[in-house]
């Protein structure tokens, strides 16, 4: 496999390696993240507590990534369009994150920063970065590229529009 692999609009590659964010799958029973309030049960994180469960208090992988500022996905927006439509773009990014995290608690924003007429978005998961790239493309056209690391645990999305 090439060092960089291009993503497709409808697919997201499945990791074929050890992913530190999958360590939670070795938990026995249920767990509760004391940081965000998410619950782990039967190999899956959700916002719902399993009835009758007595979850172990832990820190979920997303909260760990946020605390460590360790992004699994980065989205960079560039071009003249970005500054002219900054507020609309940020609104789209935040709405996309809100929608994604309702179903997938581990997919959240770490932060949004601006530098040299670029907007940089850091995410806790590759799926959210992917979704933001597709949302930008669908709403505002532009050019977008998706680059995965060799082990597929990190995604860089570059979106630009003049």
Protein backbone atom coordinates (compact mmCIF):
# COMPACT_ATOMS: atom_id res chain seq x y z
CA UNK A 1 0.00 0.00 0.00
CA UNK A 2 1.29 3.50 -0.80
CA UNK A 3 2.37 5.78 2.01
CA UNK A 4 -0.59 8.01 1.27
CA UNK A 5 -3.89 6.58 0.20
CA UNK A 6 -6.71 8.57 -1.32
CA UNK A 7 -10.17 8.18 0.21
CA UNK A 8 -13.38 7.79 -1.72
CA UNK A 9 -16.50 9.80 -1.04
CA UNK A 10 -18.59 6.82 0.10
CA UNK A 11 -15.95 4.71 1.82
CA UNK A 12 -13.62 4.99 4.74
CA UNK A 13 -10.83 2.44 4.97
CA UNK A 14 -10.97 0.02 7.86
CA UNK A 15 -7.78 -0.17 9.94
CA UNK A 16 -5.84 -3.45 9.66
CA UNK A 17 -3.58 -2.82 12.65
CA UNK A 18 -3.50 -2.04 16.35
CA UNK A 19 -5.32 1.22 17.04
CA UNK A 20 -4.94 2.71 20.49
CA UNK A 21 -8.54 3.96 20.32
CA UNK A 22 -9.75 0.35 20.10
CA UNK A 23 -8.23 -0.54 23.47
CA UNK A 24 -11.64 0.06 25.05
CA UNK A 25 -12.95 -3.06 23.29
CA UNK A 26 -11.06 -5.11 25.86
CA UNK A 27 -13.17 -3.69 28.67
CA UNK A 28 -15.29 -6.23 30.49
CA UNK A 29 -18.84 -5.08 31.09
CA UNK A 30 -19.76 -1.44 30.90
CA UNK A 31 -17.90 1.82 31.37
CA UNK A 32 -18.71 5.49 31.79
CA UNK A 33 -16.48 8.35 30.69
CA UNK A 34 -16.16 10.86 33.51
CA UNK A 35 -15.10 13.53 30.99
CA UNK A 36 -17.96 13.58 28.46
CA UNK A 37 -20.55 11.27 29.99
CA UNK A 38 -20.52 8.65 27.21
CA UNK A 39 -21.19 5.00 28.04
CA UNK A 40 -19.48 1.87 26.78
CA UNK A 41 -21.45 -1.37 26.47
CA UNK A 42 -21.11 -4.45 24.25
CA UNK A 43 -18.13 -3.05 22.36
CA UNK A 44 -19.75 0.29 21.49
CA UNK A 45 -19.81 3.83 22.86
CA UNK A 46 -23.11 5.69 23.09
CA UNK A 47 -24.75 8.45 25.06
CA UNK A 48 -27.24 5.98 26.63
CA UNK A 49 -26.65 4.13 29.87
CA UNK A 50 -27.47 0.44 29.74
CA UNK A 51 -30.34 -0.26 32.14
CA UNK A 52 -29.23 -1.98 35.32
CA UNK A 53 -25.54 -1.57 34.54
CA UNK A 54 -22.87 -0.53 37.02
CA UNK A 55 -20.29 1.05 34.74
CA UNK A 56 -16.63 1.47 35.57
CA UNK A 57 -15.50 5.13 35.51
CA UNK A 58 -12.84 5.70 32.85
CA UNK A 59 -11.72 8.29 30.30
CA UNK A 60 -12.89 7.52 26.76
CA UNK A 61 -10.50 7.61 23.78
CA UNK A 62 -11.99 10.90 22.50
CA UNK A 63 -11.52 12.66 25.84
CA UNK A 64 -7.94 11.33 25.97
CA UNK A 65 -7.27 12.70 22.48
CA UNK A 66 -8.73 16.08 23.45
CA UNK A 67 -6.65 16.23 26.66
CA UNK A 68 -3.49 15.26 24.76
CA UNK A 69 -4.33 17.45 21.73
CA UNK A 70 -3.70 14.34 19.62
CA UNK A 71 -5.84 14.62 16.50
CA UNK A 72 -6.81 11.56 14.45
CA UNK A 73 -8.03 13.88 11.71
CA UNK A 74 -7.03 17.31 10.45
CA UNK A 75 -9.01 19.40 8.01
CA UNK A 76 -7.35 22.44 6.45
CA UNK A 77 -9.47 25.01 4.63
CA UNK A 78 -7.65 27.46 2.35
CA UNK A 79 -8.25 29.94 -0.44
CA UNK A 80 -9.87 33.34 -0.74
CA UNK A 81 -13.32 31.88 -0.23
CA UNK A 82 -12.42 30.89 3.34
CA UNK A 83 -11.97 34.42 4.66
CA UNK A 84 -14.96 35.77 2.73
CA UNK A 85 -17.26 33.02 4.12
CA UNK A 86 -15.52 32.17 7.40
CA UNK A 87 -18.62 32.26 9.61
CA UNK A 88 -20.67 30.07 7.25
CA UNK A 89 -17.84 27.54 6.99
CA UNK A 90 -17.39 27.38 10.77
CA UNK A 91 -21.13 26.95 11.20
CA UNK A 92 -21.09 24.01 8.75
CA UNK A 93 -18.15 22.41 10.57
CA UNK A 94 -19.81 22.72 13.98
CA UNK A 95 -23.15 21.41 12.66
CA UNK A 96 -21.40 18.44 11.06
CA UNK A 97 -19.66 17.66 14.36
CA UNK A 98 -22.91 17.95 16.30
CA UNK A 99 -24.67 15.58 13.92
CA UNK A 100 -21.84 13.03 13.87
CA UNK A 101 -21.25 13.00 17.64
CA UNK A 102 -24.94 12.32 18.37
CA UNK A 103 -24.51 8.86 16.86
CA UNK A 104 -20.79 8.40 17.48
CA UNK A 105 -19.57 9.85 20.80
CA UNK A 106 -15.91 9.30 19.90
CA UNK A 107 -16.16 11.61 16.86
CA UNK A 108 -15.68 15.16 18.16
CA UNK A 109 -13.82 18.38 17.50
CA UNK A 110 -10.58 18.95 19.36
CA UNK A 111 -10.31 22.52 18.17
CA UNK A 112 -10.47 25.05 15.37
CA UNK A 113 -7.63 27.50 14.78
CA UNK A 114 -6.73 30.07 12.14
CA UNK A 115 -3.36 30.98 10.71
CA UNK A 116 -2.16 32.56 7.46
CA UNK A 117 -5.69 32.80 5.98
CA UNK A 118 -6.28 29.11 6.67
CA UNK A 119 -8.69 27.42 9.03
CA UNK A 120 -7.38 24.27 10.71
CA UNK A 121 -9.77 21.79 12.28
CA UNK A 122 -8.57 18.96 14.54
CA UNK A 123 -10.85 15.98 15.20
CA UNK A 124 -10.80 13.01 17.56
CA UNK A 125 -11.62 10.57 14.76
CA UNK A 126 -11.00 10.06 11.07
CA UNK A 127 -14.71 9.67 10.31
CA UNK A 128 -15.52 13.22 11.44
CA UNK A 129 -12.65 14.66 9.38
CA UNK A 130 -13.91 12.69 6.38
CA UNK A 131 -17.46 13.88 6.92
CA UNK A 132 -16.41 17.53 7.25
CA UNK A 133 -14.51 17.28 3.95
CA UNK A 134 -17.56 15.86 2.19
CA UNK A 135 -19.88 18.43 3.77
CA UNK A 136 -17.64 21.28 2.57
CA UNK A 137 -17.50 19.84 -0.93
CA UNK A 138 -21.27 19.29 -1.07
CA UNK A 139 -22.13 22.76 0.22
CA UNK A 140 -19.43 24.90 -1.39
CA UNK A 141 -17.74 22.84 -4.13
CA UNK A 142 -14.02 23.58 -4.13
CA UNK A 143 -11.23 21.03 -4.36
CA UNK A 144 -10.80 18.43 -1.64
CA UNK A 145 -8.21 15.70 -1.06
CA UNK A 146 -8.08 12.93 1.55
CA UNK A 147 -4.74 11.49 2.65
CA UNK A 148 -4.50 8.59 5.11
CA UNK A 149 -1.33 7.62 6.91
CA UNK A 150 0.12 4.24 6.04
CA UNK A 151 -1.47 2.59 9.07
CA UNK A 152 -4.78 4.39 8.44
CA UNK A 153 -5.06 5.87 11.93
CA UNK A 154 -4.83 9.48 10.77
CA UNK A 155 -6.56 11.41 7.99
CA UNK A 156 -5.56 14.77 6.53
CA UNK A 157 -8.26 16.54 4.54
CA UNK A 158 -7.36 19.58 2.46
CA UNK A 159 -10.21 21.70 1.10
CA UNK A 160 -9.62 24.81 -0.95
CA UNK A 161 -11.60 27.25 -2.98
CA UNK A 162 -10.32 30.43 -4.59
